[in-house]
C-alpha atoms as a PDB file:
ATOM      1  CA  UNK A   1      42.402 187.119 141.565  1.00  0.00           C
ATOM      2  CA  UNK A   2      45.279 189.011 139.934  1.00  0.00           C
ATOM      3  CA  UNK A   3      44.923 192.668 139.277  1.00  0.00           C
ATOM      4  CA  UNK A   4      44.924 194.083 135.737  1.00  0.00           C
ATOM      5  CA  UNK A   5      48.616 195.006 135.891  1.00  0.00           C
ATOM      6  CA  UNK A   6      49.920 191.554 136.928  1.00  0.00           C
ATOM      7  CA  UNK A   7      47.642 189.820 134.413  1.00  0.00           C
ATOM      8  CA  UNK A   8      48.957 192.078 131.668  1.00  0.00           C
ATOM      9  CA  UNK A   9      52.552 191.174 132.567  1.00  0.00           C
ATOM     10  CA  UNK A  10      51.814 187.464 132.632  1.00  0.00           C
ATOM     11  CA  UNK A  11      50.568 187.666 129.046  1.00  0.00           C
ATOM     12  CA  UNK A  12      53.689 189.496 127.872  1.00  0.00           C
ATOM     13  CA  UNK A  13      52.193 192.959 127.362  1.00  0.00           C
ATOM     14  CA  UNK A  14      52.949 196.160 129.161  1.00  0.00           C
ATOM     15  CA  UNK A  15      50.659 197.541 131.843  1.00  0.00           C
ATOM     16  CA  UNK A  16      48.062 199.954 130.551  1.00  0.00           C
ATOM     17  CA  UNK A  17      49.891 202.945 132.023  1.00  0.00           C
ATOM     18  CA  UNK A  18      53.079 202.352 129.943  1.00  0.00           C
ATOM     19  CA  UNK A  19      51.611 200.651 126.860  1.00  0.00           C
ATOM     20  CA  UNK A  20      51.576 203.862 124.885  1.00  0.00           C
ATOM     21  CA  UNK A  21      55.310 204.355 125.513  1.00  0.00           C
ATOM     22  CA  UNK A  22      56.500 200.744 125.047  1.00  0.00           C
ATOM     23  CA  UNK A  23      54.523 199.815 121.920  1.00  0.00           C
ATOM     24  CA  UNK A  24      56.013 202.486 119.615  1.00  0.00           C
ATOM     25  CA  UNK A  25      59.523 201.504 120.744  1.00  0.00           C
ATOM     26  CA  UNK A  26      58.794 197.833 120.014  1.00  0.00           C
ATOM     27  CA  UNK A  27      57.428 198.730 116.611  1.00  0.00           C
ATOM     28  CA  UNK A  28      60.418 200.967 115.974  1.00  0.00           C
ATOM     29  CA  UNK A  29      62.808 198.121 116.839  1.00  0.00           C
ATOM     30  CA  UNK A  30      60.840 195.734 114.627  1.00  0.00           C
ATOM     31  CA  UNK A  31      60.989 198.213 111.772  1.00  0.00           C
ATOM     32  CA  UNK A  32      64.764 198.533 112.151  1.00  0.00           C
ATOM     33  CA  UNK A  33      65.124 194.745 112.156  1.00  0.00           C
ATOM     34  CA  UNK A  34      62.931 194.396 109.084  1.00  0.00           C
ATOM     35  CA  UNK A  35      64.931 197.062 107.220  1.00  0.00           C
ATOM     36  CA  UNK A  36      68.226 195.472 108.282  1.00  0.00           C
ATOM     37  CA  UNK A  37      66.999 192.043 107.198  1.00  0.00           C
ATOM     38  CA  UNK A  38      65.929 193.418 103.826  1.00  0.00           C
ATOM     39  CA  UNK A  39      69.364 194.996 103.343  1.00  0.00           C
ATOM     40  CA  UNK A  40      71.162 191.755 104.189  1.00  0.00           C
ATOM     41  CA  UNK A  41      68.948 189.669 101.900  1.00  0.00           C
ATOM     42  CA  UNK A  42      69.281 192.197  99.070  1.00  0.00           C
ATOM     43  CA  UNK A  43      73.065 192.221  99.535  1.00  0.00           C
ATOM     44  CA  UNK A  44      73.217 188.433  99.383  1.00  0.00           C
ATOM     45  CA  UNK A  45      71.072 188.260  96.253  1.00  0.00           C
ATOM     46  CA  UNK A  46      73.121 190.950  94.486  1.00  0.00           C
ATOM     47  CA  UNK A  47      76.375 189.329  95.610  1.00  0.00           C
ATOM     48  CA  UNK A  48      75.351 185.909  94.334  1.00  0.00           C
ATOM     49  CA  UNK A  49      74.210 187.389  91.023  1.00  0.00           C
ATOM     50  CA  UNK A  50      77.511 189.212  90.580  1.00  0.00           C
ATOM     51  CA  UNK A  51      79.491 186.118  91.531  1.00  0.00           C
ATOM     52  CA  UNK A  52      77.624 184.122  88.899  1.00  0.00           C
ATOM     53  CA  UNK A  53      78.348 186.750  86.271  1.00  0.00           C
ATOM     54  CA  UNK A  54      82.001 187.014  87.216  1.00  0.00           C
ATOM     55  CA  UNK A  55      82.644 183.269  87.050  1.00  0.00           C
ATOM     56  CA  UNK A  56      82.998 183.329  83.254  1.00  0.00           C
ATOM     57  CA  UNK A  57      85.639 185.755  82.005  1.00  0.00           C
ATOM     58  CA  UNK A  58      84.510 188.571  79.734  1.00  0.00           C
ATOM     59  CA  UNK A  59      85.733 189.167  76.217  1.00  0.00           C
ATOM     60  CA  UNK A  60      85.282 187.632  72.802  1.00  0.00           C
ATOM     61  CA  UNK A  61      84.459 184.015  72.145  1.00  0.00           C
ATOM     62  CA  UNK A  62      82.176 181.364  73.554  1.00  0.00           C
ATOM     63  CA  UNK A  63      81.530 181.269  77.278  1.00  0.00           C
ATOM     64  CA  UNK A  64      81.969 177.877  78.816  1.00  0.00           C
ATOM     65  CA  UNK A  65      82.016 175.894  82.014  1.00  0.00           C
ATOM     66  CA  UNK A  66      84.238 172.962  83.017  1.00  0.00           C
ATOM     67  CA  UNK A  67      82.415 170.523  85.271  1.00  0.00           C
ATOM     68  CA  UNK A  68      83.660 167.505  87.169  1.00  0.00           C
ATOM     69  CA  UNK A  69      81.247 164.592  86.708  1.00  0.00           C
ATOM     70  CA  UNK A  70      80.991 162.271  89.683  1.00  0.00           C
ATOM     71  CA  UNK A  71      80.146 158.868  88.232  1.00  0.00           C
ATOM     72  CA  UNK A  72      79.634 157.458  91.735  1.00  0.00           C
ATOM     73  CA  UNK A  73      76.573 159.636  92.376  1.00  0.00           C
ATOM     74  CA  UNK A  74      78.210 162.310  94.528  1.00  0.00           C
ATOM     75  CA  UNK A  75      77.029 165.161  92.306  1.00  0.00           C
ATOM     76  CA  UNK A  76      78.704 167.263  89.660  1.00  0.00           C
ATOM     77  CA  UNK A  77      80.964 170.180  90.649  1.00  0.00           C
ATOM     78  CA  UNK A  78      82.817 173.016  88.924  1.00  0.00           C
ATOM     79  CA  UNK A  79      86.449 172.288  88.055  1.00  0.00           C
ATOM     80  CA  UNK A  80      88.940 175.115  88.036  1.00  0.00           C
ATOM     81  CA  UNK A  81      92.439 175.539  86.714  1.00  0.00           C
ATOM     82  CA  UNK A  82      94.320 174.870  83.536  1.00  0.00           C
ATOM     83  CA  UNK A  83      93.174 175.781  80.042  1.00  0.00           C
ATOM     84  CA  UNK A  84      90.715 174.699  77.413  1.00  0.00           C
ATOM     85  CA  UNK A  85      92.412 174.694  74.021  1.00  0.00           C
ATOM     86  CA  UNK A  86      91.019 174.256  70.526  1.00  0.00           C
ATOM     87  CA  UNK A  87      93.040 173.196  67.490  1.00  0.00           C
ATOM     88  CA  UNK A  88      91.459 173.205  64.026  1.00  0.00           C
ATOM     89  CA  UNK A  89      90.573 169.585  63.184  1.00  0.00           C
ATOM     90  CA  UNK A  90      92.571 169.639  59.937  1.00  0.00           C
ATOM     91  CA  UNK A  91      95.725 170.475  61.954  1.00  0.00           C
ATOM     92  CA  UNK A  92      95.076 168.220  64.951  1.00  0.00           C
ATOM     93  CA  UNK A  93      96.968 165.203  63.565  1.00  0.00           C
ATOM     94  CA  UNK A  94     100.156 167.244  63.987  1.00  0.00           C
ATOM     95  CA  UNK A  95      99.632 167.019  67.762  1.00  0.00           C
ATOM     96  CA  UNK A  96     100.071 163.273  67.784  1.00  0.00           C
ATOM     97  CA  UNK A  97     103.119 162.704  65.585  1.00  0.00           C
ATOM     98  CA  UNK A  98     105.063 160.501  65.493  1.00  0.00           C
ATOM     99  CA  UNK A  99     102.804 157.992  67.327  1.00  0.00           C
ATOM    100  CA  UNK A 100      99.561 158.959  65.517  1.00  0.00           C
ATOM    101  CA  UNK A 101      96.125 159.912  66.776  1.00  0.00           C
ATOM    102  CA  UNK A 102      95.083 157.850  69.842  1.00  0.00           C
ATOM    103  CA  UNK A 103      91.976 155.660  69.796  1.00  0.00           C
ATOM    104  CA  UNK A 104      90.786 157.028  73.165  1.00  0.00           C
ATOM    105  CA  UNK A 105      90.660 160.819  72.742  1.00  0.00           C
ATOM    106  CA  UNK A 106      88.730 161.239  76.001  1.00  0.00           C
ATOM    107  CA  UNK A 107      91.851 160.204  77.957  1.00  0.00           C
ATOM    108  CA  UNK A 108      94.494 161.295  75.417  1.00  0.00           C
ATOM    109  CA  UNK A 109      97.732 162.756  76.715  1.00  0.00           C
ATOM    110  CA  UNK A 110      99.706 165.280  74.745  1.00  0.00           C
ATOM    111  CA  UNK A 111     102.239 167.884  75.838  1.00  0.00           C
ATOM    112  CA  UNK A 112     102.106 171.312  74.288  1.00  0.00           C
ATOM    113  CA  UNK A 113     103.533 174.781  74.744  1.00  0.00           C
ATOM    114  CA  UNK A 114     102.111 178.131  73.669  1.00  0.00           C
ATOM    115  CA  UNK A 115     104.331 178.404  70.564  1.00  0.00           C
ATOM    116  CA  UNK A 116     103.311 174.931  69.304  1.00  0.00           C
ATOM    117  CA  UNK A 117      99.634 175.758  69.920  1.00  0.00           C
ATOM    118  CA  UNK A 118     100.025 179.007  68.002  1.00  0.00           C
ATOM    119  CA  UNK A 119     101.817 177.251  65.115  1.00  0.00           C
ATOM    120  CA  UNK A 120      98.822 174.880  64.840  1.00  0.00           C
ATOM    121  CA  UNK A 121      96.407 177.827  64.671  1.00  0.00           C
ATOM    122  CA  UNK A 122      94.974 176.925  68.074  1.00  0.00           C
ATOM    123  CA  UNK A 123      93.310 179.023  70.744  1.00  0.00           C
ATOM    124  CA  UNK A 124      93.668 178.832  74.507  1.00  0.00           C
ATOM    125  CA  UNK A 125      91.259 179.886  77.273  1.00  0.00           C
ATOM    126  CA  UNK A 126      92.175 179.992  80.943  1.00  0.00           C
ATOM    127  CA  UNK A 127      89.773 178.145  83.239  1.00  0.00           C
ATOM    128  CA  UNK A 128      88.859 180.178  86.340  1.00  0.00           C
ATOM    129  CA  UNK A 129      88.760 178.677  89.829  1.00  0.00           C
ATOM    130  CA  UNK A 130      84.995 178.315  89.458  1.00  0.00           C
ATOM    131  CA  UNK A 131      85.261 176.460  86.120  1.00  0.00           C
ATOM    132  CA  UNK A 132      84.392 179.350  83.804  1.00  0.00           C
ATOM    133  CA  UNK A 133      86.245 180.056  80.570  1.00  0.00           C
ATOM    134  CA  UNK A 134      85.836 182.038  77.354  1.00  0.00           C
ATOM    135  CA  UNK A 135      87.208 180.358  74.221  1.00  0.00           C
ATOM    136  CA  UNK A 136      87.888 182.643  71.259  1.00  0.00           C
ATOM    137  CA  UNK A 137      88.292 180.050  68.502  1.00  0.00           C
ATOM    138  CA  UNK A 138      86.986 180.117  64.938  1.00  0.00           C
ATOM    139  CA  UNK A 139      83.753 178.280  64.213  1.00  0.00           C
ATOM    140  CA  UNK A 140      84.149 174.875  62.632  1.00  0.00           C
ATOM    141  CA  UNK A 141      85.543 171.409  63.340  1.00  0.00           C
ATOM    142  CA  UNK A 142      88.167 171.402  66.067  1.00  0.00           C
ATOM    143  CA  UNK A 143      89.869 169.202  68.606  1.00  0.00           C
ATOM    144  CA  UNK A 144      89.155 170.640  72.057  1.00  0.00           C
ATOM    145  CA  UNK A 145      91.312 169.563  75.012  1.00  0.00           C
ATOM    146  CA  UNK A 146      91.532 170.330  78.721  1.00  0.00           C
ATOM    147  CA  UNK A 147      95.138 171.120  79.553  1.00  0.00           C
ATOM    148  CA  UNK A 148      96.826 171.353  82.950  1.00  0.00           C
ATOM    149  CA  UNK A 149     100.206 172.891  83.805  1.00  0.00           C
ATOM    150  CA  UNK A 150     103.340 170.790  83.986  1.00  0.00           C
ATOM    151  CA  UNK A 151     106.439 171.297  86.113  1.00  0.00           C
ATOM    152  CA  UNK A 152     107.968 173.459  83.415  1.00  0.00           C
ATOM    153  CA  UNK A 153     105.903 176.654  83.328  1.00  0.00           C
ATOM    154  CA  UNK A 154     105.790 176.834  79.534  1.00  0.00           C
ATOM    155  CA  UNK A 155     104.369 173.311  79.069  1.00  0.00           C
ATOM    156  CA  UNK A 156     100.835 172.034  79.457  1.00  0.00           C
ATOM    157  CA  UNK A 157      99.548 168.441  79.316  1.00  0.00           C
ATOM    158  CA  UNK A 158      96.108 167.331  78.213  1.00  0.00           C
ATOM    159  CA  UNK A 159      93.781 165.426  80.525  1.00  0.00           C
ATOM    160  CA  UNK A 160      91.668 164.467  77.521  1.00  0.00           C
ATOM    161  CA  UNK A 161      90.327 165.752  74.193  1.00  0.00           C
ATOM    162  CA  UNK A 162      87.107 165.709  72.197  1.00  0.00           C
ATOM    163  CA  UNK A 163      86.231 166.555  68.580  1.00  0.00           C
ATOM    164  CA  UNK A 164      83.619 169.298  68.303  1.00  0.00           C
ATOM    165  CA  UNK A 165      82.124 171.433  65.573  1.00  0.00           C
ATOM    166  CA  UNK A 166      82.552 174.781  67.343  1.00  0.00           C
ATOM    167  CA  UNK A 167      79.511 177.009  66.773  1.00  0.00           C
ATOM    168  CA  UNK A 168      79.733 180.694  65.815  1.00  0.00           C
ATOM    169  CA  UNK A 169      77.874 181.644  68.988  1.00  0.00           C
ATOM    170  CA  UNK A 170      76.388 180.047  72.081  1.00  0.00           C
ATOM    171  CA  UNK A 171      78.162 178.366  74.948  1.00  0.00           C
ATOM    172  CA  UNK A 172      80.230 175.281  75.742  1.00  0.00           C
ATOM    173  CA  UNK A 173      79.938 172.716  78.509  1.00  0.00           C
ATOM    174  CA  UNK A 174      83.042 170.649  79.127  1.00  0.00           C
ATOM    175  CA  UNK A 175      83.075 167.713  81.527  1.00  0.00           C
ATOM    176  CA  UNK A 176      85.753 165.564  83.100  1.00  0.00           C
ATOM    177  CA  UNK A 177      85.106 162.302  84.909  1.00  0.00           C
ATOM    178  CA  UNK A 178      85.849 158.609  84.869  1.00  0.00           C
ATOM    179  CA  UNK A 179      84.782 158.515  81.222  1.00  0.00           C
ATOM    180  CA  UNK A 180      87.368 161.169  80.346  1.00  0.00           C
ATOM    181  CA  UNK A 181      86.936 164.593  78.761  1.00  0.00           C
ATOM    182  CA  UNK A 182      83.859 165.608  76.783  1.00  0.00           C
ATOM    183  CA  UNK A 183      82.659 168.956  75.432  1.00  0.00           C
ATOM    184  CA  UNK A 184      79.389 169.999  73.829  1.00  0.00           C
ATOM    185  CA  UNK A 185      77.905 173.192  72.457  1.00  0.00           C
ATOM    186  CA  UNK A 186      74.792 174.547  74.112  1.00  0.00           C
END
């Protein structure tokens, strides 16, 4: 029959003569690990919260998000890059001359530069890499488009447009997918 010391070792505890020395050290190490784990988890939670806050630029206007819609069931994802622009609806026909307003706004293509957008009374918001934007446009009916850069740095081309009654406050959710561009107030 094993003695008390060998039986204690086989069960994973220290012999009685050293138990008082080993146990506090084990507890001390466990306490350090628990504190370190808490710090890491707290850091991750704070980091994720700050990342979420930083994804939409600060400033005046409506916060928004540009989302890629996967019509094949792969899941939606944030789209980054380009600009979301808004042109007052009563001036939007000037975008399409001489050919006239297209029937399919969701896939409409128009080229525009900053001076033409300004002359139309439009507003432009840069879309961050994570899909966030802040559009400072007056409330009311507008044509909202997602624009991407062209080879010439001063030109942008629409991927699609959508008519929207821009609210005075709230947020915007813009989507791009097989069905084209769509934006709604939230």
